[in-house]
Amino acid sequence: GKIVSMEVVRGELTAEEELDILEEKY
């Protein structure tokens, strides 16, 4: 969760992509 959130912080993911990744949709 921290790594995914840091990618959002750095602009590498959108908030929607973050949720999808955290829900393991991809």
mmCIF file of all heavy atoms, coordinates in Angstrom:
data_MODEL
# 
_entry.id   MODEL 
# 
loop_
_atom_site.group_PDB 
_atom_site.id 
_atom_site.type_symbol 
_atom_site.label_atom_id 
_atom_site.label_alt_id 
_atom_site.label_comp_id 
_atom_site.label_asym_id 
_atom_site.label_entity_id 
_atom_site.label_seq_id 
_atom_site.pdbx_PDB_ins_code 
_atom_site.Cartn_x 
_atom_site.Cartn_y 
_atom_site.Cartn_z 
_atom_site.occupancy 
_atom_site.B_iso_or_equiv 
_atom_site.pdbx_formal_charge 
_atom_site.auth_seq_id 
_atom_site.auth_comp_id 
_atom_site.auth_asym_id 
_atom_site.auth_atom_id 
_atom_site.pdbx_PDB_model_num 
ATOM 1   N N   . GLY A 1 1  ? 0.816   -1.219 0.000   1.00 0.00 ? 1  GLY A N   1 
ATOM 2   C CA  . GLY A 1 1  ? 0.000   0.000  0.000   1.00 0.00 ? 1  GLY A CA  1 
ATOM 3   C C   . GLY A 1 1  ? 0.844   1.259  0.000   1.00 0.00 ? 1  GLY A C   1 
ATOM 4   O O   . GLY A 1 1  ? 0.510   2.244  -0.675  1.00 0.00 ? 1  GLY A O   1 
ATOM 5   N N   . LYS A 1 2  ? 1.951   1.246  0.743   1.00 0.00 ? 2  LYS A N   1 
ATOM 6   C CA  . LYS A 1 2  ? 2.821   2.423  0.788   1.00 0.00 ? 2  LYS A CA  1 
ATOM 7   C C   . LYS A 1 2  ? 3.478   2.685  -0.562  1.00 0.00 ? 2  LYS A C   1 
ATOM 8   O O   . LYS A 1 2  ? 3.567   3.836  -0.998  1.00 0.00 ? 2  LYS A O   1 
ATOM 9   C CB  . LYS A 1 2  ? 3.899   2.250  1.864   1.00 0.00 ? 2  LYS A CB  1 
ATOM 10  C CG  . LYS A 1 2  ? 3.356   2.314  3.272   1.00 0.00 ? 2  LYS A CG  1 
ATOM 11  C CD  . LYS A 1 2  ? 4.501   2.184  4.245   1.00 0.00 ? 2  LYS A CD  1 
ATOM 12  C CE  . LYS A 1 2  ? 4.174   1.215  5.325   1.00 0.00 ? 2  LYS A CE  1 
ATOM 13  N NZ  . LYS A 1 2  ? 5.279   0.969  6.247   1.00 0.00 ? 2  LYS A NZ  1 
ATOM 14  N N   . ILE A 1 3  ? 3.928   1.625  -1.228  1.00 0.00 ? 3  ILE A N   1 
ATOM 15  C CA  . ILE A 1 3  ? 4.583   1.790  -2.530  1.00 0.00 ? 3  ILE A CA  1 
ATOM 16  C C   . ILE A 1 3  ? 3.584   2.327  -3.553  1.00 0.00 ? 3  ILE A C   1 
ATOM 17  O O   . ILE A 1 3  ? 3.883   3.246  -4.307  1.00 0.00 ? 3  ILE A O   1 
ATOM 18  C CB  . ILE A 1 3  ? 5.200   0.456  -3.018  1.00 0.00 ? 3  ILE A CB  1 
ATOM 19  C CG1 . ILE A 1 3  ? 6.302   -0.021 -2.075  1.00 0.00 ? 3  ILE A CG1 1 
ATOM 20  C CG2 . ILE A 1 3  ? 5.705   0.580  -4.451  1.00 0.00 ? 3  ILE A CG2 1 
ATOM 21  C CD1 . ILE A 1 3  ? 7.519   0.858  -2.016  1.00 0.00 ? 3  ILE A CD1 1 
ATOM 22  N N   . VAL A 1 4  ? 2.389   1.758  -3.576  1.00 0.00 ? 4  VAL A N   1 
ATOM 23  C CA  . VAL A 1 4  ? 1.370   2.223  -4.521  1.00 0.00 ? 4  VAL A CA  1 
ATOM 24  C C   . VAL A 1 4  ? 1.029   3.682  -4.232  1.00 0.00 ? 4  VAL A C   1 
ATOM 25  O O   . VAL A 1 4  ? 0.951   4.506  -5.154  1.00 0.00 ? 4  VAL A O   1 
ATOM 26  C CB  . VAL A 1 4  ? 0.110   1.326  -4.460  1.00 0.00 ? 4  VAL A CB  1 
ATOM 27  C CG1 . VAL A 1 4  ? -1.014  1.911  -5.300  1.00 0.00 ? 4  VAL A CG1 1 
ATOM 28  C CG2 . VAL A 1 4  ? 0.434   -0.084 -4.922  1.00 0.00 ? 4  VAL A CG2 1 
ATOM 29  N N   . SER A 1 5  ? 0.868   4.031  -2.977  1.00 0.00 ? 5  SER A N   1 
ATOM 30  C CA  . SER A 1 5  ? 0.558   5.420  -2.619  1.00 0.00 ? 5  SER A CA  1 
ATOM 31  C C   . SER A 1 5  ? 1.691   6.367  -2.990  1.00 0.00 ? 5  SER A C   1 
ATOM 32  O O   . SER A 1 5  ? 1.455   7.492  -3.432  1.00 0.00 ? 5  SER A O   1 
ATOM 33  C CB  . SER A 1 5  ? 0.247   5.530  -1.125  1.00 0.00 ? 5  SER A CB  1 
ATOM 34  O OG  . SER A 1 5  ? -0.948  4.827  -0.839  1.00 0.00 ? 5  SER A OG  1 
ATOM 35  N N   . MET A 1 6  ? 2.938   5.923  -2.830  1.00 0.00 ? 6  MET A N   1 
ATOM 36  C CA  . MET A 1 6  ? 4.067   6.778  -3.220  1.00 0.00 ? 6  MET A CA  1 
ATOM 37  C C   . MET A 1 6  ? 4.088   7.004  -4.732  1.00 0.00 ? 6  MET A C   1 
ATOM 38  O O   . MET A 1 6  ? 4.505   8.066  -5.192  1.00 0.00 ? 6  MET A O   1 
ATOM 39  C CB  . MET A 1 6  ? 5.390   6.175  -2.756  1.00 0.00 ? 6  MET A CB  1 
ATOM 40  C CG  . MET A 1 6  ? 5.649   6.356  -1.269  1.00 0.00 ? 6  MET A CG  1 
ATOM 41  S SD  . MET A 1 6  ? 5.656   8.084  -0.736  1.00 0.00 ? 6  MET A SD  1 
ATOM 42  C CE  . MET A 1 6  ? 7.130   8.671  -1.546  1.00 0.00 ? 6  MET A CE  1 
ATOM 43  N N   . GLU A 1 7  ? 3.631   6.032  -5.500  1.00 0.00 ? 7  GLU A N   1 
ATOM 44  C CA  . GLU A 1 7  ? 3.546   6.240  -6.948  1.00 0.00 ? 7  GLU A CA  1 
ATOM 45  C C   . GLU A 1 7  ? 2.497   7.292  -7.278  1.00 0.00 ? 7  GLU A C   1 
ATOM 46  O O   . GLU A 1 7  ? 2.662   8.072  -8.214  1.00 0.00 ? 7  GLU A O   1 
ATOM 47  C CB  . GLU A 1 7  ? 3.268   4.917  -7.677  1.00 0.00 ? 7  GLU A CB  1 
ATOM 48  C CG  . GLU A 1 7  ? 4.472   3.996  -7.666  1.00 0.00 ? 7  GLU A CG  1 
ATOM 49  C CD  . GLU A 1 7  ? 4.308   2.753  -8.521  1.00 0.00 ? 7  GLU A CD  1 
ATOM 50  O OE1 . GLU A 1 7  ? 3.225   2.554  -9.126  1.00 0.00 ? 7  GLU A OE1 1 
ATOM 51  O OE2 . GLU A 1 7  ? 5.277   1.975  -8.601  1.00 0.00 ? 7  GLU A OE2 1 
ATOM 52  N N   . VAL A 1 8  ? 1.434   7.349  -6.494  1.00 0.00 ? 8  VAL A N   1 
ATOM 53  C CA  . VAL A 1 8  ? 0.428   8.410  -6.665  1.00 0.00 ? 8  VAL A CA  1 
ATOM 54  C C   . VAL A 1 8  ? 1.036   9.749  -6.273  1.00 0.00 ? 8  VAL A C   1 
ATOM 55  O O   . VAL A 1 8  ? 0.876   10.750 -6.981  1.00 0.00 ? 8  VAL A O   1 
ATOM 56  C CB  . VAL A 1 8  ? -0.844  8.111  -5.845  1.00 0.00 ? 8  VAL A CB  1 
ATOM 57  C CG1 . VAL A 1 8  ? -1.816  9.276  -5.905  1.00 0.00 ? 8  VAL A CG1 1 
ATOM 58  C CG2 . VAL A 1 8  ? -1.503  6.836  -6.333  1.00 0.00 ? 8  VAL A CG2 1 
ATOM 59  N N   . VAL A 1 9  ? 1.735   9.780  -5.153  1.00 0.00 ? 9  VAL A N   1 
ATOM 60  C CA  . VAL A 1 9  ? 2.383   11.013 -4.672  1.00 0.00 ? 9  VAL A CA  1 
ATOM 61  C C   . VAL A 1 9  ? 3.310   11.576 -5.745  1.00 0.00 ? 9  VAL A C   1 
ATOM 62  O O   . VAL A 1 9  ? 3.360   12.782 -5.971  1.00 0.00 ? 9  VAL A O   1 
ATOM 63  C CB  . VAL A 1 9  ? 3.163   10.733 -3.358  1.00 0.00 ? 9  VAL A CB  1 
ATOM 64  C CG1 . VAL A 1 9  ? 4.131   11.848 -3.033  1.00 0.00 ? 9  VAL A CG1 1 
ATOM 65  C CG2 . VAL A 1 9  ? 2.188   10.502 -2.206  1.00 0.00 ? 9  VAL A CG2 1 
ATOM 66  N N   . ARG A 1 10 ? 4.027   10.712 -6.435  1.00 0.00 ? 10 ARG A N   1 
ATOM 67  C CA  . ARG A 1 10 ? 4.992   11.143 -7.450  1.00 0.00 ? 10 ARG A CA  1 
ATOM 68  C C   . ARG A 1 10 ? 4.341   11.413 -8.803  1.00 0.00 ? 10 ARG A C   1 
ATOM 69  O O   . ARG A 1 10 ? 5.002   11.797 -9.755  1.00 0.00 ? 10 ARG A O   1 
ATOM 70  C CB  . ARG A 1 10 ? 6.085   10.087 -7.599  1.00 0.00 ? 10 ARG A CB  1 
ATOM 71  C CG  . ARG A 1 10 ? 6.942   9.947  -6.354  1.00 0.00 ? 10 ARG A CG  1 
ATOM 72  C CD  . ARG A 1 10 ? 7.740   8.665  -6.332  1.00 0.00 ? 10 ARG A CD  1 
ATOM 73  N NE  . ARG A 1 10 ? 8.442   8.392  -7.556  1.00 0.00 ? 10 ARG A NE  1 
ATOM 74  C CZ  . ARG A 1 10 ? 9.758   8.537  -7.724  1.00 0.00 ? 10 ARG A CZ  1 
ATOM 75  N NH1 . ARG A 1 10 ? 10.487  8.939  -6.726  1.00 0.00 ? 10 ARG A NH1 1 
ATOM 76  N NH2 . ARG A 1 10 ? 10.318  8.258  -8.876  1.00 0.00 ? 10 ARG A NH2 1 
ATOM 77  N N   . GLY A 1 11 ? 3.025   11.176 -8.904  1.00 0.00 ? 11 GLY A N   1 
ATOM 78  C CA  . GLY A 1 11 ? 2.322   11.424 -10.160 1.00 0.00 ? 11 GLY A CA  1 
ATOM 79  C C   . GLY A 1 11 ? 2.442   10.299 -11.165 1.00 0.00 ? 11 GLY A C   1 
ATOM 80  O O   . GLY A 1 11 ? 2.142   10.475 -12.338 1.00 0.00 ? 11 GLY A O   1 
ATOM 81  N N   . GLU A 1 12 ? 2.870   9.130  -10.702 1.00 0.00 ? 12 GLU A N   1 
ATOM 82  C CA  . GLU A 1 12 ? 3.060   7.987  -11.599 1.00 0.00 ? 12 GLU A CA  1 
ATOM 83  C C   . GLU A 1 12 ? 1.779   7.180  -11.788 1.00 0.00 ? 12 GLU A C   1 
ATOM 84  O O   . GLU A 1 12 ? 1.661   6.390  -12.724 1.00 0.00 ? 12 GLU A O   1 
ATOM 85  C CB  . GLU A 1 12 ? 4.176   7.088  -11.073 1.00 0.00 ? 12 GLU A CB  1 
ATOM 86  C CG  . GLU A 1 12 ? 5.519   7.800  -11.024 1.00 0.00 ? 12 GLU A CG  1 
ATOM 87  C CD  . GLU A 1 12 ? 6.593   7.042  -10.274 1.00 0.00 ? 12 GLU A CD  1 
ATOM 88  O OE1 . GLU A 1 12 ? 6.293   5.984  -9.687  1.00 0.00 ? 12 GLU A OE1 1 
ATOM 89  O OE2 . GLU A 1 12 ? 7.732   7.513  -10.263 1.00 0.00 ? 12 GLU A OE2 1 
ATOM 90  N N   . LEU A 1 13 ? 0.827   7.378  -10.896 1.00 0.00 ? 13 LEU A N   1 
ATOM 91  C CA  . LEU A 1 13 ? -0.478  6.721  -10.974 1.00 0.00 ? 13 LEU A CA  1 
ATOM 92  C C   . LEU A 1 13 ? -1.555  7.742  -10.637 1.00 0.00 ? 13 LEU A C   1 
ATOM 93  O O   . LEU A 1 13 ? -1.319  8.678  -9.871  1.00 0.00 ? 13 LEU A O   1 
ATOM 94  C CB  . LEU A 1 13 ? -0.597  5.579  -9.957  1.00 0.00 ? 13 LEU A CB  1 
ATOM 95  C CG  . LEU A 1 13 ? 0.289   4.354  -10.097 1.00 0.00 ? 13 LEU A CG  1 
ATOM 96  C CD1 . LEU A 1 13 ? 0.108   3.446  -8.885  1.00 0.00 ? 13 LEU A CD1 1 
ATOM 97  C CD2 . LEU A 1 13 ? -0.024  3.607  -11.370 1.00 0.00 ? 13 LEU A CD2 1 
ATOM 98  N N   . THR A 1 14 ? -2.744  7.529  -11.172 1.00 0.00 ? 14 THR A N   1 
ATOM 99  C CA  . THR A 1 14 ? -3.889  8.341  -10.769 1.00 0.00 ? 14 THR A CA  1 
ATOM 100 C C   . THR A 1 14 ? -4.507  7.707  -9.522  1.00 0.00 ? 14 THR A C   1 
ATOM 101 O O   . THR A 1 14 ? -4.217  6.546  -9.197  1.00 0.00 ? 14 THR A O   1 
ATOM 102 C CB  . THR A 1 14 ? -4.947  8.408  -11.881 1.00 0.00 ? 14 THR A CB  1 
ATOM 103 O OG1 . THR A 1 14 ? -5.474  7.095  -12.075 1.00 0.00 ? 14 THR A OG1 1 
ATOM 104 C CG2 . THR A 1 14 ? -4.365  8.958  -13.173 1.00 0.00 ? 14 THR A CG2 1 
ATOM 105 N N   . ALA A 1 15 ? -5.381  8.432  -8.866  1.00 0.00 ? 15 ALA A N   1 
ATOM 106 C CA  . ALA A 1 15 ? -6.058  7.895  -7.681  1.00 0.00 ? 15 ALA A CA  1 
ATOM 107 C C   . ALA A 1 15 ? -6.914  6.682  -8.061  1.00 0.00 ? 15 ALA A C   1 
ATOM 108 O O   . ALA A 1 15 ? -7.017  5.719  -7.286  1.00 0.00 ? 15 ALA A O   1 
ATOM 109 C CB  . ALA A 1 15 ? -6.906  8.976  -7.033  1.00 0.00 ? 15 ALA A CB  1 
ATOM 110 N N   . GLU A 1 16 ? -7.517  6.718  -9.246  1.00 0.00 ? 16 GLU A N   1 
ATOM 111 C CA  . GLU A 1 16 ? -8.341  5.597  -9.701  1.00 0.00 ? 16 GLU A CA  1 
ATOM 112 C C   . GLU A 1 16 ? -7.478  4.357  -9.931  1.00 0.00 ? 16 GLU A C   1 
ATOM 113 O O   . GLU A 1 16 ? -7.869  3.244  -9.555  1.00 0.00 ? 16 GLU A O   1 
ATOM 114 C CB  . GLU A 1 16 ? -9.081  5.961  -10.999 1.00 0.00 ? 16 GLU A CB  1 
ATOM 115 C CG  . GLU A 1 16 ? -10.110 7.065  -10.828 1.00 0.00 ? 16 GLU A CG  1 
ATOM 116 C CD  . GLU A 1 16 ? -9.498  8.471  -10.820 1.00 0.00 ? 16 GLU A CD  1 
ATOM 117 O OE1 . GLU A 1 16 ? -8.364  8.664  -11.333 1.00 0.00 ? 16 GLU A OE1 1 
ATOM 118 O OE2 . GLU A 1 16 ? -10.144 9.364  -10.265 1.00 0.00 ? 16 GLU A OE2 1 
ATOM 119 N N   . GLU A 1 17 ? -6.316  4.550  -10.551 1.00 0.00 ? 17 GLU A N   1 
ATOM 120 C CA  . GLU A 1 17 ? -5.407  3.423  -10.758 1.00 0.00 ? 17 GLU A CA  1 
ATOM 121 C C   . GLU A 1 17 ? -4.940  2.853  -9.426  1.00 0.00 ? 17 GLU A C   1 
ATOM 122 O O   . GLU A 1 17 ? -4.810  1.635  -9.279  1.00 0.00 ? 17 GLU A O   1 
ATOM 123 C CB  . GLU A 1 17 ? -4.194  3.865  -11.582 1.00 0.00 ? 17 GLU A CB  1 
ATOM 124 C CG  . GLU A 1 17 ? -4.507  4.186  -13.027 1.00 0.00 ? 17 GLU A CG  1 
ATOM 125 C CD  . GLU A 1 17 ? -3.338  4.830  -13.761 1.00 0.00 ? 17 GLU A CD  1 
ATOM 126 O OE1 . GLU A 1 17 ? -2.577  5.602  -13.140 1.00 0.00 ? 17 GLU A OE1 1 
ATOM 127 O OE2 . GLU A 1 17 ? -3.198  4.560  -14.960 1.00 0.00 ? 17 GLU A OE2 1 
ATOM 128 N N   . GLU A 1 18 ? -4.707  3.735  -8.458  1.00 0.00 ? 18 GLU A N   1 
ATOM 129 C CA  . GLU A 1 18 ? -4.291  3.288  -7.131  1.00 0.00 ? 18 GLU A CA  1 
ATOM 130 C C   . GLU A 1 18 ? -5.329  2.346  -6.533  1.00 0.00 ? 18 GLU A C   1 
ATOM 131 O O   . GLU A 1 18 ? -4.990  1.261  -6.047  1.00 0.00 ? 18 GLU A O   1 
ATOM 132 C CB  . GLU A 1 18 ? -4.080  4.493  -6.217  1.00 0.00 ? 18 GLU A CB  1 
ATOM 133 C CG  . GLU A 1 18 ? -3.765  4.117  -4.778  1.00 0.00 ? 18 GLU A CG  1 
ATOM 134 C CD  . GLU A 1 18 ? -3.730  5.310  -3.840  1.00 0.00 ? 18 GLU A CD  1 
ATOM 135 O OE1 . GLU A 1 18 ? -4.447  6.300  -4.087  1.00 0.00 ? 18 GLU A OE1 1 
ATOM 136 O OE2 . GLU A 1 18 ? -2.987  5.238  -2.853  1.00 0.00 ? 18 GLU A OE2 1 
ATOM 137 N N   . LEU A 1 19 ? -6.581  2.745  -6.570  1.00 0.00 ? 19 LEU A N   1 
ATOM 138 C CA  . LEU A 1 19 ? -7.641  1.904  -6.005  1.00 0.00 ? 19 LEU A CA  1 
ATOM 139 C C   . LEU A 1 19 ? -7.734  0.564  -6.723  1.00 0.00 ? 19 LEU A C   1 
ATOM 140 O O   . LEU A 1 19 ? -7.874  -0.482 -6.086  1.00 0.00 ? 19 LEU A O   1 
ATOM 141 C CB  . LEU A 1 19 ? -8.987  2.627  -6.067  1.00 0.00 ? 19 LEU A CB  1 
ATOM 142 C CG  . LEU A 1 19 ? -9.134  3.835  -5.141  1.00 0.00 ? 19 LEU A CG  1 
ATOM 143 C CD1 . LEU A 1 19 ? -10.465 4.531  -5.381  1.00 0.00 ? 19 LEU A CD1 1 
ATOM 144 C CD2 . LEU A 1 19 ? -9.004  3.412  -3.686  1.00 0.00 ? 19 LEU A CD2 1 
ATOM 145 N N   . ASP A 1 20 ? -7.643  0.604  -8.050  1.00 0.00 ? 20 ASP A N   1 
ATOM 146 C CA  . ASP A 1 20 ? -7.711  -0.647 -8.816  1.00 0.00 ? 20 ASP A CA  1 
ATOM 147 C C   . ASP A 1 20 ? -6.550  -1.575 -8.467  1.00 0.00 ? 20 ASP A C   1 
ATOM 148 O O   . ASP A 1 20 ? -6.731  -2.782 -8.340  1.00 0.00 ? 20 ASP A O   1 
ATOM 149 C CB  . ASP A 1 20 ? -7.718  -0.355 -10.318 1.00 0.00 ? 20 ASP A CB  1 
ATOM 150 C CG  . ASP A 1 20 ? -9.032  0.269  -10.792 1.00 0.00 ? 20 ASP A CG  1 
ATOM 151 O OD1 . ASP A 1 20 ? -10.030 0.196  -10.045 1.00 0.00 ? 20 ASP A OD1 1 
ATOM 152 O OD2 . ASP A 1 20 ? -9.045  0.828  -11.899 1.00 0.00 ? 20 ASP A OD2 1 
ATOM 153 N N   . ILE A 1 21 ? -5.362  -1.012 -8.316  1.00 0.00 ? 21 ILE A N   1 
ATOM 154 C CA  . ILE A 1 21 ? -4.191  -1.837 -7.961  1.00 0.00 ? 21 ILE A CA  1 
ATOM 155 C C   . ILE A 1 21 ? -4.339  -2.387 -6.548  1.00 0.00 ? 21 ILE A C   1 
ATOM 156 O O   . ILE A 1 21 ? -4.048  -3.560 -6.297  1.00 0.00 ? 21 ILE A O   1 
ATOM 157 C CB  . ILE A 1 21 ? -2.891  -1.028 -8.120  1.00 0.00 ? 21 ILE A CB  1 
ATOM 158 C CG1 . ILE A 1 21 ? -2.637  -0.737 -9.606  1.00 0.00 ? 21 ILE A CG1 1 
ATOM 159 C CG2 . ILE A 1 21 ? -1.707  -1.781 -7.512  1.00 0.00 ? 21 ILE A CG2 1 
ATOM 160 C CD1 . ILE A 1 21 ? -1.520  0.249  -9.862  1.00 0.00 ? 21 ILE A CD1 1 
ATOM 161 N N   . LEU A 1 22 ? -4.783  -1.549 -5.617  1.00 0.00 ? 22 LEU A N   1 
ATOM 162 C CA  . LEU A 1 22 ? -4.965  -2.012 -4.236  1.00 0.00 ? 22 LEU A CA  1 
ATOM 163 C C   . LEU A 1 22 ? -6.029  -3.107 -4.141  1.00 0.00 ? 22 LEU A C   1 
ATOM 164 O O   . LEU A 1 22 ? -5.955  -3.976 -3.281  1.00 0.00 ? 22 LEU A O   1 
ATOM 165 C CB  . LEU A 1 22 ? -5.303  -0.844 -3.316  1.00 0.00 ? 22 LEU A CB  1 
ATOM 166 C CG  . LEU A 1 22 ? -4.176  0.160  -3.085  1.00 0.00 ? 22 LEU A CG  1 
ATOM 167 C CD1 . LEU A 1 22 ? -4.670  1.349  -2.279  1.00 0.00 ? 22 LEU A CD1 1 
ATOM 168 C CD2 . LEU A 1 22 ? -2.985  -0.497 -2.405  1.00 0.00 ? 22 LEU A CD2 1 
ATOM 169 N N   . GLU A 1 23 ? -7.007  -3.040 -5.036  1.00 0.00 ? 23 GLU A N   1 
ATOM 170 C CA  . GLU A 1 23 ? -8.035  -4.087 -5.084  1.00 0.00 ? 23 GLU A CA  1 
ATOM 171 C C   . GLU A 1 23 ? -7.590  -5.268 -5.932  1.00 0.00 ? 23 GLU A C   1 
ATOM 172 O O   . GLU A 1 23 ? -8.359  -6.200 -6.154  1.00 0.00 ? 23 GLU A O   1 
ATOM 173 C CB  . GLU A 1 23 ? -9.338  -3.503 -5.633  1.00 0.00 ? 23 GLU A CB  1 
ATOM 174 C CG  . GLU A 1 23 ? -9.970  -2.491 -4.704  1.00 0.00 ? 23 GLU A CG  1 
ATOM 175 C CD  . GLU A 1 23 ? -11.168 -1.779 -5.322  1.00 0.00 ? 23 GLU A CD  1 
ATOM 176 O OE1 . GLU A 1 23 ? -11.487 -2.016 -6.515  1.00 0.00 ? 23 GLU A OE1 1 
ATOM 177 O OE2 . GLU A 1 23 ? -11.780 -0.972 -4.616  1.00 0.00 ? 23 GLU A OE2 1 
ATOM 178 N N   . GLU A 1 24 ? -6.349  -5.220 -6.419  1.00 0.00 ? 24 GLU A N   1 
ATOM 179 C CA  . GLU A 1 24 ? -5.722  -6.273 -7.210  1.00 0.00 ? 24 GLU A CA  1 
ATOM 180 C C   . GLU A 1 24 ? -6.528  -6.626 -8.459  1.00 0.00 ? 24 GLU A C   1 
ATOM 181 O O   . GLU A 1 24 ? -6.652  -7.794 -8.844  1.00 0.00 ? 24 GLU A O   1 
ATOM 182 C CB  . GLU A 1 24 ? -5.449  -7.506 -6.350  1.00 0.00 ? 24 GLU A CB  1 
ATOM 183 C CG  . GLU A 1 24 ? -4.497  -7.213 -5.206  1.00 0.00 ? 24 GLU A CG  1 
ATOM 184 C CD  . GLU A 1 24 ? -4.140  -8.424 -4.367  1.00 0.00 ? 24 GLU A CD  1 
ATOM 185 O OE1 . GLU A 1 24 ? -4.491  -9.562 -4.760  1.00 0.00 ? 24 GLU A OE1 1 
ATOM 186 O OE2 . GLU A 1 24 ? -3.504  -8.231 -3.321  1.00 0.00 ? 24 GLU A OE2 1 
ATOM 187 N N   . LYS A 1 25 ? -7.059  -5.587 -9.121  1.00 0.00 ? 25 LYS A N   1 
ATOM 188 C CA  . LYS A 1 25 ? -7.798  -5.790 -10.359 1.00 0.00 ? 25 LYS A CA  1 
ATOM 189 C C   . LYS A 1 25 ? -6.874  -6.045 -11.545 1.00 0.00 ? 25 LYS A C   1 
ATOM 190 O O   . LYS A 1 25 ? -7.310  -6.574 -12.562 1.00 0.00 ? 25 LYS A O   1 
ATOM 191 C CB  . LYS A 1 25 ? -8.689  -4.580 -10.647 1.00 0.00 ? 25 LYS A CB  1 
ATOM 192 C CG  . LYS A 1 25 ? -9.860  -4.436 -9.704  1.00 0.00 ? 25 LYS A CG  1 
ATOM 193 C CD  . LYS A 1 25 ? -10.742 -3.281 -10.081 1.00 0.00 ? 25 LYS A CD  1 
ATOM 194 C CE  . LYS A 1 25 ? -11.925 -3.165 -9.139  1.00 0.00 ? 25 LYS A CE  1 
ATOM 195 N NZ  . LYS A 1 25 ? -12.772 -2.002 -9.466  1.00 0.00 ? 25 LYS A NZ  1 
ATOM 196 N N   . TYR A 1 26 ? -5.621  -5.630 -11.409 1.00 0.00 ? 26 TYR A N   1 
ATOM 197 C CA  . TYR A 1 26 ? -4.642  -5.804 -12.479 1.00 0.00 ? 26 TYR A CA  1 
ATOM 198 C C   . TYR A 1 26 ? -3.500  -6.681 -11.977 1.00 0.00 ? 26 TYR A C   1 
ATOM 199 O O   . TYR A 1 26 ? -2.576  -6.203 -11.337 1.00 0.00 ? 26 TYR A O   1 
ATOM 200 C CB  . TYR A 1 26 ? -4.081  -4.451 -12.937 1.00 0.00 ? 26 TYR A CB  1 
ATOM 201 C CG  . TYR A 1 26 ? -5.139  -3.476 -13.397 1.00 0.00 ? 26 TYR A CG  1 
ATOM 202 C CD1 . TYR A 1 26 ? -5.344  -2.287 -12.715 1.00 0.00 ? 26 TYR A CD1 1 
ATOM 203 C CD2 . TYR A 1 26 ? -5.923  -3.751 -14.503 1.00 0.00 ? 26 TYR A CD2 1 
ATOM 204 C CE1 . TYR A 1 26 ? -6.313  -1.386 -13.130 1.00 0.00 ? 26 TYR A CE1 1 
ATOM 205 C CE2 . TYR A 1 26 ? -6.887  -2.859 -14.931 1.00 0.00 ? 26 TYR A CE2 1 
ATOM 206 C CZ  . TYR A 1 26 ? -7.080  -1.678 -14.242 1.00 0.00 ? 26 TYR A CZ  1 
ATOM 207 O OH  . TYR A 1 26 ? -8.037  -0.792 -14.654 1.00 0.00 ? 26 TYR A OH  1 
# 
